[in-house]
């Protein structure tokens, strides 16, 4: 009897202690600790995200087009850039927005704002086709955020060629096309004009016009990446400009 009472007392004491300690053992993590853990997880994801390999692919008109890709780095790093198998006749430079310094493969790049500028290489470009493919693979840098590797679309219906030869007489050259870019700029030696997404601009040539004119259309997307497309007009009946 005594042992039975003693056993019941021990059992009751054990259950009471279990009720007291169970909430402590299984209570949820304090809010501030949960947030801290979530932040640590987010930071890890961000670190994994920005330390990455970036690939730039596209097509560029030989000698008459330039592509600009913007990116930001959070700390200095060594540029590791290589040409993919589809790259023929194109080249690159990395520079800041002021063009104050140029960087290439193996150079140390300080933290900052930069552009990857892709152009054709006249020394290596084949005569045909006039549209060149490129593929550049960039590694070794820590980005503030994943770079945008897309370009705005720029579709031209006319002129039919980027280089146009006009015979004697009066002519109108019509720049007609469309773009999905929020910013489209038309430029020549004398003026700069904002174009709409669907644009049509006419330039008149007569005997008072110069025998050579150059024009540029620049389409820029929201991240700052842009396409510069150049047009050259050779006019047989024009005036030769003297520098």
C-alpha atoms as a PDB file:
ATOM      1  CA  UNK A   1       0.000   0.000   0.000  1.00  0.00           C
ATOM      2  CA  UNK A   2       2.727   2.376   0.936  1.00  0.00           C
ATOM      3  CA  UNK A   3       4.623   1.526  -2.220  1.00  0.00           C
ATOM      4  CA  UNK A   4       1.475   2.080  -4.300  1.00  0.00           C
ATOM      5  CA  UNK A   5       0.932   5.543  -2.771  1.00  0.00           C
ATOM      6  CA  UNK A   6       4.570   6.326  -3.288  1.00  0.00           C
ATOM      7  CA  UNK A   7       4.333   5.263  -6.942  1.00  0.00           C
ATOM      8  CA  UNK A   8       1.221   7.436  -7.520  1.00  0.00           C
ATOM      9  CA  UNK A   9       2.976  10.421  -5.915  1.00  0.00           C
ATOM     10  CA  UNK A  10       5.976   9.903  -8.144  1.00  0.00           C
ATOM     11  CA  UNK A  11       3.757   9.594 -11.241  1.00  0.00           C
ATOM     12  CA  UNK A  12       1.812  12.763 -10.419  1.00  0.00           C
ATOM     13  CA  UNK A  13       5.058  14.669  -9.793  1.00  0.00           C
ATOM     14  CA  UNK A  14       6.438  13.467 -13.116  1.00  0.00           C
ATOM     15  CA  UNK A  15       3.299  14.535 -15.040  1.00  0.00           C
ATOM     16  CA  UNK A  16       3.301  17.981 -13.416  1.00  0.00           C
ATOM     17  CA  UNK A  17       6.944  18.503 -14.286  1.00  0.00           C
ATOM     18  CA  UNK A  18       6.255  17.317 -17.850  1.00  0.00           C
ATOM     19  CA  UNK A  19       3.421  19.859 -18.209  1.00  0.00           C
ATOM     20  CA  UNK A  20       5.763  22.594 -17.013  1.00  0.00           C
ATOM     21  CA  UNK A  21       8.708  21.790 -19.265  1.00  0.00           C
ATOM     22  CA  UNK A  22       6.855  20.783 -22.465  1.00  0.00           C
ATOM     23  CA  UNK A  23       5.911  24.370 -23.472  1.00  0.00           C
ATOM     24  CA  UNK A  24       9.546  25.371 -23.008  1.00  0.00           C
ATOM     25  CA  UNK A  25      10.766  22.472 -25.106  1.00  0.00           C
ATOM     26  CA  UNK A  26       8.318  22.996 -27.951  1.00  0.00           C
ATOM     27  CA  UNK A  27       7.606  26.735 -27.793  1.00  0.00           C
ATOM     28  CA  UNK A  28       8.062  28.579 -31.144  1.00  0.00           C
ATOM     29  CA  UNK A  29      11.253  30.477 -31.869  1.00  0.00           C
ATOM     30  CA  UNK A  30      11.039  34.119 -30.744  1.00  0.00           C
ATOM     31  CA  UNK A  31       9.942  36.475 -33.547  1.00  0.00           C
ATOM     32  CA  UNK A  32      13.211  38.348 -33.655  1.00  0.00           C
ATOM     33  CA  UNK A  33      15.128  35.078 -33.971  1.00  0.00           C
ATOM     34  CA  UNK A  34      12.808  33.867 -36.760  1.00  0.00           C
ATOM     35  CA  UNK A  35      13.374  37.123 -38.694  1.00  0.00           C
ATOM     36  CA  UNK A  36      17.090  36.855 -38.183  1.00  0.00           C
ATOM     37  CA  UNK A  37      17.113  33.325 -39.575  1.00  0.00           C
ATOM     38  CA  UNK A  38      15.014  34.421 -42.559  1.00  0.00           C
ATOM     39  CA  UNK A  39      17.340  37.324 -43.216  1.00  0.00           C
ATOM     40  CA  UNK A  40      20.348  35.032 -43.087  1.00  0.00           C
ATOM     41  CA  UNK A  41      18.675  32.723 -45.605  1.00  0.00           C
ATOM     42  CA  UNK A  42      17.850  35.674 -47.892  1.00  0.00           C
ATOM     43  CA  UNK A  43      21.391  37.009 -47.661  1.00  0.00           C
ATOM     44  CA  UNK A  44      22.751  33.597 -48.582  1.00  0.00           C
ATOM     45  CA  UNK A  45      20.447  33.463 -51.611  1.00  0.00           C
ATOM     46  CA  UNK A  46      21.551  36.944 -52.628  1.00  0.00           C
ATOM     47  CA  UNK A  47      25.204  35.989 -52.324  1.00  0.00           C
ATOM     48  CA  UNK A  48      24.566  32.880 -54.395  1.00  0.00           C
ATOM     49  CA  UNK A  49      22.673  34.968 -56.937  1.00  0.00           C
ATOM     50  CA  UNK A  50      25.154  37.782 -57.530  1.00  0.00           C
ATOM     51  CA  UNK A  51      28.280  35.639 -57.677  1.00  0.00           C
ATOM     52  CA  UNK A  52      27.411  34.167 -61.033  1.00  0.00           C
ATOM     53  CA  UNK A  53      28.367  33.478 -64.633  1.00  0.00           C
ATOM     54  CA  UNK A  54      26.673  35.841 -67.095  1.00  0.00           C
ATOM     55  CA  UNK A  55      26.245  35.047 -70.783  1.00  0.00           C
ATOM     56  CA  UNK A  56      25.573  37.660 -73.449  1.00  0.00           C
ATOM     57  CA  UNK A  57      24.252  36.453 -76.788  1.00  0.00           C
ATOM     58  CA  UNK A  58      23.011  38.354 -79.810  1.00  0.00           C
ATOM     59  CA  UNK A  59      23.429  39.446 -83.402  1.00  0.00           C
ATOM     60  CA  UNK A  60      25.038  42.675 -84.526  1.00  0.00           C
ATOM     61  CA  UNK A  61      25.310  44.471 -87.870  1.00  0.00           C
ATOM     62  CA  UNK A  62      28.902  44.487 -89.043  1.00  0.00           C
ATOM     63  CA  UNK A  63      30.620  47.897 -88.615  1.00  0.00           C
ATOM     64  CA  UNK A  64      27.329  49.776 -88.104  1.00  0.00           C
ATOM     65  CA  UNK A  65      25.961  48.678 -84.736  1.00  0.00           C
ATOM     66  CA  UNK A  66      26.987  48.752 -81.073  1.00  0.00           C
ATOM     67  CA  UNK A  67      25.349  46.990 -78.111  1.00  0.00           C
ATOM     68  CA  UNK A  68      25.612  48.240 -74.523  1.00  0.00           C
ATOM     69  CA  UNK A  69      24.938  46.073 -71.447  1.00  0.00           C
ATOM     70  CA  UNK A  70      25.003  47.779 -68.033  1.00  0.00           C
ATOM     71  CA  UNK A  71      26.005  46.075 -64.777  1.00  0.00           C
ATOM     72  CA  UNK A  72      27.090  47.004 -61.236  1.00  0.00           C
ATOM     73  CA  UNK A  73      29.674  45.303 -59.022  1.00  0.00           C
ATOM     74  CA  UNK A  74      29.722  45.403 -55.222  1.00  0.00           C
ATOM     75  CA  UNK A  75      33.436  44.698 -54.786  1.00  0.00           C
ATOM     76  CA  UNK A  76      36.564  44.468 -56.880  1.00  0.00           C
ATOM     77  CA  UNK A  77      37.186  41.346 -58.897  1.00  0.00           C
ATOM     78  CA  UNK A  78      39.212  39.985 -61.766  1.00  0.00           C
ATOM     79  CA  UNK A  79      37.516  39.915 -65.167  1.00  0.00           C
ATOM     80  CA  UNK A  80      37.224  36.438 -66.648  1.00  0.00           C
ATOM     81  CA  UNK A  81      35.593  36.749 -70.074  1.00  0.00           C
ATOM     82  CA  UNK A  82      35.670  34.296 -72.955  1.00  0.00           C
ATOM     83  CA  UNK A  83      34.257  33.944 -76.453  1.00  0.00           C
ATOM     84  CA  UNK A  84      31.560  31.346 -77.015  1.00  0.00           C
ATOM     85  CA  UNK A  85      31.595  29.023 -80.049  1.00  0.00           C
ATOM     86  CA  UNK A  86      29.126  31.190 -82.021  1.00  0.00           C
ATOM     87  CA  UNK A  87      31.222  34.367 -81.828  1.00  0.00           C
ATOM     88  CA  UNK A  88      32.527  35.425 -85.244  1.00  0.00           C
ATOM     89  CA  UNK A  89      33.889  38.864 -86.122  1.00  0.00           C
ATOM     90  CA  UNK A  90      32.817  40.712 -82.979  1.00  0.00           C
ATOM     91  CA  UNK A  91      34.709  42.109 -80.008  1.00  0.00           C
ATOM     92  CA  UNK A  92      34.094  43.798 -76.646  1.00  0.00           C
ATOM     93  CA  UNK A  93      35.373  46.316 -74.127  1.00  0.00           C
ATOM     94  CA  UNK A  94      34.326  46.980 -70.532  1.00  0.00           C
ATOM     95  CA  UNK A  95      34.233  50.625 -69.512  1.00  0.00           C
ATOM     96  CA  UNK A  96      32.565  52.938 -67.031  1.00  0.00           C
ATOM     97  CA  UNK A  97      29.733  55.246 -68.046  1.00  0.00           C
ATOM     98  CA  UNK A  98      32.163  58.115 -68.654  1.00  0.00           C
ATOM     99  CA  UNK A  99      34.511  56.045 -70.835  1.00  0.00           C
ATOM    100  CA  UNK A 100      37.335  57.098 -68.515  1.00  0.00           C
ATOM    101  CA  UNK A 101      38.943  53.637 -68.332  1.00  0.00           C
ATOM    102  CA  UNK A 102      38.953  50.481 -70.452  1.00  0.00           C
ATOM    103  CA  UNK A 103      39.165  46.930 -69.115  1.00  0.00           C
ATOM    104  CA  UNK A 104      39.677  43.512 -70.647  1.00  0.00           C
ATOM    105  CA  UNK A 105      40.192  39.882 -69.715  1.00  0.00           C
ATOM    106  CA  UNK A 106      42.414  39.453 -66.655  1.00  0.00           C
ATOM    107  CA  UNK A 107      42.122  43.071 -65.502  1.00  0.00           C
ATOM    108  CA  UNK A 108      41.101  43.909 -61.960  1.00  0.00           C
ATOM    109  CA  UNK A 109      37.785  45.751 -61.963  1.00  0.00           C
ATOM    110  CA  UNK A 110      37.009  48.016 -58.979  1.00  0.00           C
ATOM    111  CA  UNK A 111      33.499  48.062 -57.543  1.00  0.00           C
ATOM    112  CA  UNK A 112      31.279  50.388 -59.550  1.00  0.00           C
ATOM    113  CA  UNK A 113      28.961  50.946 -62.513  1.00  0.00           C
ATOM    114  CA  UNK A 114      30.073  49.558 -65.895  1.00  0.00           C
ATOM    115  CA  UNK A 115      29.095  48.776 -69.462  1.00  0.00           C
ATOM    116  CA  UNK A 116      29.968  45.762 -71.573  1.00  0.00           C
ATOM    117  CA  UNK A 117      30.224  47.275 -75.069  1.00  0.00           C
ATOM    118  CA  UNK A 118      30.020  44.893 -78.019  1.00  0.00           C
ATOM    119  CA  UNK A 119      31.061  45.913 -81.512  1.00  0.00           C
ATOM    120  CA  UNK A 120      32.163  44.205 -84.695  1.00  0.00           C
ATOM    121  CA  UNK A 121      35.872  43.819 -85.346  1.00  0.00           C
ATOM    122  CA  UNK A 122      36.696  45.096 -88.880  1.00  0.00           C
ATOM    123  CA  UNK A 123      39.961  43.152 -88.918  1.00  0.00           C
ATOM    124  CA  UNK A 124      38.153  39.867 -88.305  1.00  0.00           C
ATOM    125  CA  UNK A 125      34.672  40.457 -89.716  1.00  0.00           C
ATOM    126  CA  UNK A 126      33.841  38.402 -92.789  1.00  0.00           C
ATOM    127  CA  UNK A 127      32.452  40.202 -95.835  1.00  0.00           C
ATOM    128  CA  UNK A 128      29.357  38.019 -95.606  1.00  0.00           C
ATOM    129  CA  UNK A 129      27.069  37.816 -93.762  1.00  0.00           C
ATOM    130  CA  UNK A 130      26.602  41.423 -92.619  1.00  0.00           C
ATOM    131  CA  UNK A 131      24.783  40.211 -89.489  1.00  0.00           C
ATOM    132  CA  UNK A 132      27.220  38.684 -87.011  1.00  0.00           C
ATOM    133  CA  UNK A 133      26.525  36.383 -84.053  1.00  0.00           C
ATOM    134  CA  UNK A 134      28.231  36.840 -80.692  1.00  0.00           C
ATOM    135  CA  UNK A 135      28.397  34.966 -77.406  1.00  0.00           C
ATOM    136  CA  UNK A 136      30.464  36.296 -74.494  1.00  0.00           C
ATOM    137  CA  UNK A 137      30.764  34.536 -71.122  1.00  0.00           C
ATOM    138  CA  UNK A 138      31.608  36.775 -68.141  1.00  0.00           C
ATOM    139  CA  UNK A 139      32.791  35.359 -64.797  1.00  0.00           C
ATOM    140  CA  UNK A 140      34.852  36.403 -61.785  1.00  0.00           C
ATOM    141  CA  UNK A 141      32.759  39.394 -60.650  1.00  0.00           C
ATOM    142  CA  UNK A 142      30.405  39.979 -57.714  1.00  0.00           C
ATOM    143  CA  UNK A 143      27.349  41.847 -58.953  1.00  0.00           C
ATOM    144  CA  UNK A 144      25.046  44.051 -56.897  1.00  0.00           C
ATOM    145  CA  UNK A 145      22.200  42.277 -58.670  1.00  0.00           C
ATOM    146  CA  UNK A 146      21.876  39.864 -61.556  1.00  0.00           C
ATOM    147  CA  UNK A 147      22.707  41.807 -64.755  1.00  0.00           C
ATOM    148  CA  UNK A 148      20.051  42.214 -67.430  1.00  0.00           C
ATOM    149  CA  UNK A 149      21.294  40.361 -70.515  1.00  0.00           C
ATOM    150  CA  UNK A 150      18.438  41.424 -72.800  1.00  0.00           C
ATOM    151  CA  UNK A 151      18.376  44.178 -75.407  1.00  0.00           C
ATOM    152  CA  UNK A 152      15.448  46.204 -76.732  1.00  0.00           C
ATOM    153  CA  UNK A 153      14.097  45.185 -80.114  1.00  0.00           C
ATOM    154  CA  UNK A 154      14.712  47.582 -82.995  1.00  0.00           C
ATOM    155  CA  UNK A 155      13.038  46.651 -86.279  1.00  0.00           C
ATOM    156  CA  UNK A 156      13.579  48.786 -89.391  1.00  0.00           C
ATOM    157  CA  UNK A 157      11.429  48.617 -92.519  1.00  0.00           C
ATOM    158  CA  UNK A 158      13.433  51.341 -94.250  1.00  0.00           C
ATOM    159  CA  UNK A 159      15.971  52.271 -95.331  1.00  0.00           C
ATOM    160  CA  UNK A 160      16.557  48.823 -96.793  1.00  0.00           C
ATOM    161  CA  UNK A 161      20.321  49.071 -96.238  1.00  0.00           C
ATOM    162  CA  UNK A 162      22.357  50.657 -93.481  1.00  0.00           C
ATOM    163  CA  UNK A 163      24.584  52.187 -96.160  1.00  0.00           C
ATOM    164  CA  UNK A 164      22.661  53.958 -98.946  1.00  0.00           C
ATOM    165  CA  UNK A 165      24.039  55.485-102.164  1.00  0.00           C
ATOM    166  CA  UNK A 166      21.871  58.162-103.765  1.00  0.00           C
ATOM    167  CA  UNK A 167      22.312  59.239-107.405  1.00  0.00           C
ATOM    168  CA  UNK A 168      21.834  62.788-108.740  1.00  0.00           C
ATOM    169  CA  UNK A 169      18.452  64.380-108.183  1.00  0.00           C
ATOM    170  CA  UNK A 170      16.161  64.914-105.216  1.00  0.00           C
ATOM    171  CA  UNK A 171      15.477  62.092-102.774  1.00  0.00           C
ATOM    172  CA  UNK A 172      13.711  61.356 -99.499  1.00  0.00           C
ATOM    173  CA  UNK A 173      15.181  58.819 -97.106  1.00  0.00           C
ATOM    174  CA  UNK A 174      12.528  57.443 -94.748  1.00  0.00           C
ATOM    175  CA  UNK A 175      13.487  55.933 -91.393  1.00  0.00           C
ATOM    176  CA  UNK A 176      10.520  53.715 -90.594  1.00  0.00           C
ATOM    177  CA  UNK A 177      10.287  51.032 -87.943  1.00  0.00           C
ATOM    178  CA  UNK A 178       9.288  50.094 -84.426  1.00  0.00           C
ATOM    179  CA  UNK A 179      10.780  49.198 -81.060  1.00  0.00           C
ATOM    180  CA  UNK A 180       9.635  47.930 -77.665  1.00  0.00           C
ATOM    181  CA  UNK A 181      12.059  50.308 -75.906  1.00  0.00           C
ATOM    182  CA  UNK A 182      10.764  53.062 -73.588  1.00  0.00           C
ATOM    183  CA  UNK A 183      13.385  55.403 -75.088  1.00  0.00           C
ATOM    184  CA  UNK A 184      14.155  55.757 -78.826  1.00  0.00           C
ATOM    185  CA  UNK A 185      16.456  58.571 -79.946  1.00  0.00           C
ATOM    186  CA  UNK A 186      17.227  59.725 -83.500  1.00  0.00           C
ATOM    187  CA  UNK A 187      20.517  61.614 -83.899  1.00  0.00           C
ATOM    188  CA  UNK A 188      22.547  63.287 -86.644  1.00  0.00           C
ATOM    189  CA  UNK A 189      25.360  65.854 -86.583  1.00  0.00           C
ATOM    190  CA  UNK A 190      22.941  68.691 -85.930  1.00  0.00           C
ATOM    191  CA  UNK A 191      20.023  67.439 -83.850  1.00  0.00           C
ATOM    192  CA  UNK A 192      18.611  64.845 -81.435  1.00  0.00           C
ATOM    193  CA  UNK A 193      14.953  63.824 -81.499  1.00  0.00           C
ATOM    194  CA  UNK A 194      12.811  61.486 -79.410  1.00  0.00           C
ATOM    195  CA  UNK A 195      10.885  58.955 -81.513  1.00  0.00           C
ATOM    196  CA  UNK A 196       7.708  57.042 -80.702  1.00  0.00           C
ATOM    197  CA  UNK A 197       7.604  53.234 -80.499  1.00  0.00           C
ATOM    198  CA  UNK A 198       6.251  53.133 -84.032  1.00  0.00           C
ATOM    199  CA  UNK A 199       8.153  55.797 -85.948  1.00  0.00           C
ATOM    200  CA  UNK A 200       8.512  57.253 -89.432  1.00  0.00           C
ATOM    201  CA  UNK A 201      10.933  60.100 -90.115  1.00  0.00           C
ATOM    202  CA  UNK A 202      11.814  61.505 -93.537  1.00  0.00           C
ATOM    203  CA  UNK A 203      15.066  63.265 -94.534  1.00  0.00           C
ATOM    204  CA  UNK A 204      15.140  65.258 -97.785  1.00  0.00           C
ATOM    205  CA  UNK A 205      18.205  65.398-100.042  1.00  0.00           C
ATOM    206  CA  UNK A 206      18.673  67.972-102.795  1.00  0.00           C
ATOM    207  CA  UNK A 207      21.599  69.828-104.339  1.00  0.00           C
ATOM    208  CA  UNK A 208      22.109  71.839-101.138  1.00  0.00           C
ATOM    209  CA  UNK A 209      22.520  68.727 -98.979  1.00  0.00           C
ATOM    210  CA  UNK A 210      25.980  67.394 -98.093  1.00  0.00           C
ATOM    211  CA  UNK A 211      27.350  64.464-100.065  1.00  0.00           C
ATOM    212  CA  UNK A 212      27.702  62.401 -96.880  1.00  0.00           C
ATOM    213  CA  UNK A 213      25.459  62.169 -93.827  1.00  0.00           C
ATOM    214  CA  UNK A 214      25.507  59.829 -90.819  1.00  0.00           C
ATOM    215  CA  UNK A 215      22.511  59.035 -88.598  1.00  0.00           C
ATOM    216  CA  UNK A 216      21.965  56.954 -85.479  1.00  0.00           C
ATOM    217  CA  UNK A 217      18.939  55.394 -83.808  1.00  0.00           C
ATOM    218  CA  UNK A 218      19.397  54.439 -80.151  1.00  0.00           C
ATOM    219  CA  UNK A 219      16.869  52.192 -78.391  1.00  0.00           C
ATOM    220  CA  UNK A 220      17.267  51.842 -74.602  1.00  0.00           C
ATOM    221  CA  UNK A 221      15.379  49.496 -72.277  1.00  0.00           C
ATOM    222  CA  UNK A 222      14.431  50.111 -68.631  1.00  0.00           C
ATOM    223  CA  UNK A 223      17.671  48.656 -67.250  1.00  0.00           C
ATOM    224  CA  UNK A 224      19.781  50.931 -69.477  1.00  0.00           C
ATOM    225  CA  UNK A 225      20.851  48.339 -72.054  1.00  0.00           C
ATOM    226  CA  UNK A 226      20.804  49.829 -75.531  1.00  0.00           C
ATOM    227  CA  UNK A 227      21.220  49.229 -79.250  1.00  0.00           C
ATOM    228  CA  UNK A 228      22.959  51.857 -81.375  1.00  0.00           C
ATOM    229  CA  UNK A 229      22.312  51.395 -85.096  1.00  0.00           C
ATOM    230  CA  UNK A 230      24.130  53.649 -87.562  1.00  0.00           C
ATOM    231  CA  UNK A 231      23.149  54.699 -91.088  1.00  0.00           C
ATOM    232  CA  UNK A 232      25.380  56.218 -93.759  1.00  0.00           C
ATOM    233  CA  UNK A 233      24.056  58.159 -96.761  1.00  0.00           C
ATOM    234  CA  UNK A 234      26.358  58.885 -99.715  1.00  0.00           C
ATOM    235  CA  UNK A 235      24.773  61.437-102.019  1.00  0.00           C
ATOM    236  CA  UNK A 236      26.313  61.856-105.447  1.00  0.00           C
ATOM    237  CA  UNK A 237      24.666  65.232-106.068  1.00  0.00           C
ATOM    238  CA  UNK A 238      25.521  66.729-102.708  1.00  0.00           C
ATOM    239  CA  UNK A 239      27.909  69.390-101.511  1.00  0.00           C
ATOM    240  CA  UNK A 240      31.357  68.347-100.349  1.00  0.00           C
ATOM    241  CA  UNK A 241      31.921  69.614 -96.834  1.00  0.00           C
ATOM    242  CA  UNK A 242      35.295  71.164 -96.043  1.00  0.00           C
ATOM    243  CA  UNK A 243      36.588  70.692 -92.503  1.00  0.00           C
END
